[in-house]
Amino acid sequence: MAGYVLAHGYCFGCGALFSFNPVHVPSIGVHGVREPVCRACVERVNPQRITNGLAPIEPHPEAYEPCSEIELHYD
């Protein structure tokens, strides 16, 4: 029987504490470390991305939901 995982961390964009799926959450690379980004920040930056000719960030449908522990990769 598998359990579920819901990570908690601070958004790189706004600093808010939020819950997310550690496998699918949008993130940004900072000094070689992937930092999570909350839904509100994704929605806030997408209009500017589009204006700048970039594709909007489209979070995975499960980005802010729990994931099965089976999805986690232990290397």
N, C-alpha and C. Protein backbone atom coordinates (compact mmCIF):
# COMPACT_ATOMS: atom_id res chain seq x y z
N MET A 1 0.84 -1.17 0.00
CA MET A 1 0.00 0.00 0.00
C MET A 1 0.89 1.24 0.00
N ALA A 2 0.65 2.14 -0.95
CA ALA A 2 1.46 3.35 -1.09
C ALA A 2 0.84 4.50 -0.32
N GLY A 3 1.69 5.38 0.16
CA GLY A 3 1.22 6.59 0.83
C GLY A 3 1.25 7.76 -0.14
N TYR A 4 0.97 8.92 0.36
CA TYR A 4 0.95 10.13 -0.45
C TYR A 4 1.90 11.16 0.13
N VAL A 5 2.39 12.04 -0.75
CA VAL A 5 3.36 13.06 -0.36
C VAL A 5 2.83 14.42 -0.77
N LEU A 6 2.89 15.37 0.15
CA LEU A 6 2.57 16.76 -0.14
C LEU A 6 3.70 17.57 0.48
N ALA A 7 4.46 18.24 -0.36
CA ALA A 7 5.59 19.03 0.14
C ALA A 7 5.12 20.42 0.55
N HIS A 8 5.86 21.03 1.45
CA HIS A 8 5.59 22.39 1.88
C HIS A 8 6.89 23.16 1.74
N GLY A 9 6.79 24.35 1.18
CA GLY A 9 7.98 25.16 1.02
C GLY A 9 7.60 26.60 0.73
N TYR A 10 8.62 27.42 0.58
CA TYR A 10 8.41 28.84 0.32
C TYR A 10 8.56 29.11 -1.17
N CYS A 11 7.64 29.90 -1.72
CA CYS A 11 7.68 30.26 -3.13
C CYS A 11 8.89 31.15 -3.39
N PHE A 12 9.62 30.86 -4.44
CA PHE A 12 10.77 31.69 -4.78
C PHE A 12 10.33 33.09 -5.18
N GLY A 13 9.15 33.20 -5.79
CA GLY A 13 8.68 34.50 -6.28
C GLY A 13 8.22 35.45 -5.19
N CYS A 14 7.35 34.98 -4.31
CA CYS A 14 6.74 35.87 -3.31
C CYS A 14 7.09 35.53 -1.87
N GLY A 15 7.70 34.39 -1.64
CA GLY A 15 8.09 34.00 -0.29
C GLY A 15 6.99 33.36 0.54
N ALA A 16 5.79 33.19 -0.05
CA ALA A 16 4.68 32.59 0.70
C ALA A 16 4.92 31.10 0.90
N LEU A 17 4.52 30.61 2.07
CA LEU A 17 4.55 29.18 2.34
C LEU A 17 3.37 28.54 1.62
N PHE A 18 3.61 27.47 0.86
CA PHE A 18 2.53 26.79 0.15
C PHE A 18 2.82 25.31 0.06
N SER A 19 1.77 24.54 -0.29
CA SER A 19 1.87 23.08 -0.45
C SER A 19 1.92 22.74 -1.92
N PHE A 20 2.69 21.69 -2.26
CA PHE A 20 2.83 21.35 -3.67
C PHE A 20 3.25 19.90 -3.85
N ASN A 21 3.06 19.43 -5.06
CA ASN A 21 3.50 18.11 -5.49
C ASN A 21 4.99 18.25 -5.83
N PRO A 22 5.87 17.57 -5.13
CA PRO A 22 7.31 17.76 -5.37
C PRO A 22 7.79 17.29 -6.74
N VAL A 23 6.99 16.49 -7.42
CA VAL A 23 7.37 15.99 -8.74
C VAL A 23 6.96 16.97 -9.84
N HIS A 24 5.81 17.63 -9.68
CA HIS A 24 5.23 18.40 -10.78
C HIS A 24 5.17 19.91 -10.57
N VAL A 25 5.56 20.43 -9.41
CA VAL A 25 5.45 21.87 -9.17
C VAL A 25 6.36 22.64 -10.14
N PRO A 26 5.89 23.79 -10.68
CA PRO A 26 6.79 24.63 -11.48
C PRO A 26 7.93 25.12 -10.58
N SER A 27 9.11 25.22 -11.14
CA SER A 27 10.25 25.66 -10.34
C SER A 27 11.21 26.45 -11.22
N ILE A 28 12.10 27.14 -10.55
CA ILE A 28 13.12 27.94 -11.23
C ILE A 28 14.47 27.54 -10.66
N GLY A 29 15.48 27.51 -11.52
CA GLY A 29 16.83 27.18 -11.06
C GLY A 29 17.51 28.39 -10.46
N VAL A 30 17.99 28.24 -9.23
CA VAL A 30 18.71 29.32 -8.54
C VAL A 30 19.98 28.72 -7.95
N HIS A 31 21.12 29.13 -8.48
CA HIS A 31 22.42 28.62 -8.01
C HIS A 31 22.46 27.09 -8.02
N GLY A 32 21.91 26.49 -9.07
CA GLY A 32 21.94 25.05 -9.23
C GLY A 32 20.91 24.28 -8.43
N VAL A 33 19.98 24.99 -7.77
CA VAL A 33 18.94 24.34 -6.97
C VAL A 33 17.58 24.72 -7.56
N ARG A 34 16.68 23.74 -7.70
CA ARG A 34 15.33 24.02 -8.18
C ARG A 34 14.50 24.56 -7.03
N GLU A 35 13.91 25.74 -7.21
CA GLU A 35 13.09 26.39 -6.19
C GLU A 35 11.64 26.43 -6.66
N PRO A 36 10.68 26.04 -5.81
CA PRO A 36 9.28 25.98 -6.21
C PRO A 36 8.65 27.37 -6.39
N VAL A 37 7.62 27.41 -7.26
CA VAL A 37 6.90 28.65 -7.53
C VAL A 37 5.41 28.38 -7.34
N CYS A 38 4.74 29.25 -6.56
CA CYS A 38 3.32 29.05 -6.25
C CYS A 38 2.43 29.41 -7.44
N ARG A 39 1.18 28.97 -7.37
CA ARG A 39 0.19 29.21 -8.43
C ARG A 39 -0.03 30.71 -8.66
N ALA A 40 -0.11 31.50 -7.57
CA ALA A 40 -0.34 32.94 -7.71
C ALA A 40 0.79 33.61 -8.49
N CYS A 41 2.02 33.21 -8.24
CA CYS A 41 3.15 33.81 -8.96
C CYS A 41 3.16 33.38 -10.43
N VAL A 42 2.81 32.13 -10.69
CA VAL A 42 2.71 31.68 -12.09
C VAL A 42 1.68 32.54 -12.82
N GLU A 43 0.52 32.74 -12.20
CA GLU A 43 -0.53 33.54 -12.83
C GLU A 43 -0.10 34.99 -12.98
N ARG A 44 0.69 35.50 -12.05
CA ARG A 44 1.15 36.88 -12.11
C ARG A 44 2.20 37.11 -13.21
N VAL A 45 3.09 36.13 -13.43
CA VAL A 45 4.16 36.34 -14.42
C VAL A 45 3.75 35.98 -15.84
N ASN A 46 2.72 35.17 -16.01
CA ASN A 46 2.36 34.74 -17.36
C ASN A 46 2.03 35.88 -18.32
N PRO A 47 1.27 36.91 -17.93
CA PRO A 47 1.03 38.00 -18.89
C PRO A 47 2.31 38.66 -19.38
N GLN A 48 3.28 38.85 -18.47
CA GLN A 48 4.55 39.46 -18.88
C GLN A 48 5.34 38.52 -19.78
N ARG A 49 5.30 37.23 -19.49
CA ARG A 49 5.98 36.26 -20.36
C ARG A 49 5.42 36.34 -21.77
N ILE A 50 4.10 36.39 -21.88
CA ILE A 50 3.46 36.45 -23.20
C ILE A 50 3.84 37.74 -23.91
N THR A 51 3.82 38.86 -23.18
CA THR A 51 4.23 40.15 -23.75
C THR A 51 5.66 40.08 -24.27
N ASN A 52 6.52 39.35 -23.57
CA ASN A 52 7.92 39.22 -23.96
C ASN A 52 8.16 38.16 -25.03
N GLY A 53 7.07 37.55 -25.54
CA GLY A 53 7.21 36.55 -26.59
C GLY A 53 7.54 35.16 -26.07
N LEU A 54 7.43 34.95 -24.77
CA LEU A 54 7.71 33.64 -24.19
C LEU A 54 6.40 32.87 -24.00
N ALA A 55 6.49 31.58 -23.98
CA ALA A 55 5.32 30.75 -23.70
C ALA A 55 4.93 30.91 -22.24
N PRO A 56 3.63 30.90 -21.95
CA PRO A 56 3.23 30.96 -20.55
C PRO A 56 3.62 29.67 -19.83
N ILE A 57 3.81 29.78 -18.54
CA ILE A 57 4.05 28.59 -17.72
C ILE A 57 2.71 27.90 -17.55
N GLU A 58 2.66 26.63 -17.89
CA GLU A 58 1.44 25.84 -17.76
C GLU A 58 1.70 24.73 -16.75
N PRO A 59 1.34 24.97 -15.50
CA PRO A 59 1.61 23.96 -14.47
C PRO A 59 0.91 22.64 -14.77
N HIS A 60 1.54 21.57 -14.39
CA HIS A 60 0.94 20.24 -14.49
C HIS A 60 -0.37 20.26 -13.70
N PRO A 61 -1.41 19.55 -14.15
CA PRO A 61 -2.69 19.54 -13.43
C PRO A 61 -2.58 19.12 -11.97
N GLU A 62 -1.55 18.37 -11.62
CA GLU A 62 -1.38 17.91 -10.24
C GLU A 62 -0.28 18.67 -9.50
N ALA A 63 0.14 19.82 -10.02
CA ALA A 63 1.27 20.55 -9.45
C ALA A 63 1.06 20.96 -8.00
N TYR A 64 -0.17 21.18 -7.61
CA TYR A 64 -0.44 21.65 -6.25
C TYR A 64 -1.29 20.65 -5.47
N GLU A 65 -1.22 19.39 -5.87
CA GLU A 65 -1.96 18.28 -5.23
C GLU A 65 -0.95 17.26 -4.70
N PRO A 66 -1.35 16.40 -3.76
CA PRO A 66 -0.45 15.34 -3.28
C PRO A 66 -0.11 14.37 -4.41
N CYS A 67 1.04 13.72 -4.30
CA CYS A 67 1.41 12.68 -5.26
C CYS A 67 1.61 11.37 -4.52
N SER A 68 1.51 10.29 -5.24
CA SER A 68 1.79 8.98 -4.67
C SER A 68 3.28 8.89 -4.37
N GLU A 69 3.61 8.28 -3.25
CA GLU A 69 5.03 8.14 -2.91
C GLU A 69 5.77 7.34 -3.96
N ILE A 70 5.07 6.55 -4.75
CA ILE A 70 5.69 5.76 -5.81
C ILE A 70 6.30 6.67 -6.89
N GLU A 71 5.74 7.87 -7.05
CA GLU A 71 6.26 8.81 -8.06
C GLU A 71 7.62 9.40 -7.68
N LEU A 72 7.98 9.35 -6.42
CA LEU A 72 9.24 9.92 -5.99
C LEU A 72 10.39 9.04 -6.43
N HIS A 73 11.47 9.65 -6.84
CA HIS A 73 12.64 8.90 -7.31
C HIS A 73 13.73 9.01 -6.26
N TYR A 74 14.14 7.90 -5.75
CA TYR A 74 15.22 7.86 -4.75
C TYR A 74 16.49 7.40 -5.44
N ASP A 75 17.33 8.36 -5.79
CA ASP A 75 18.59 8.02 -6.47
C ASP A 75 19.72 7.92 -5.49
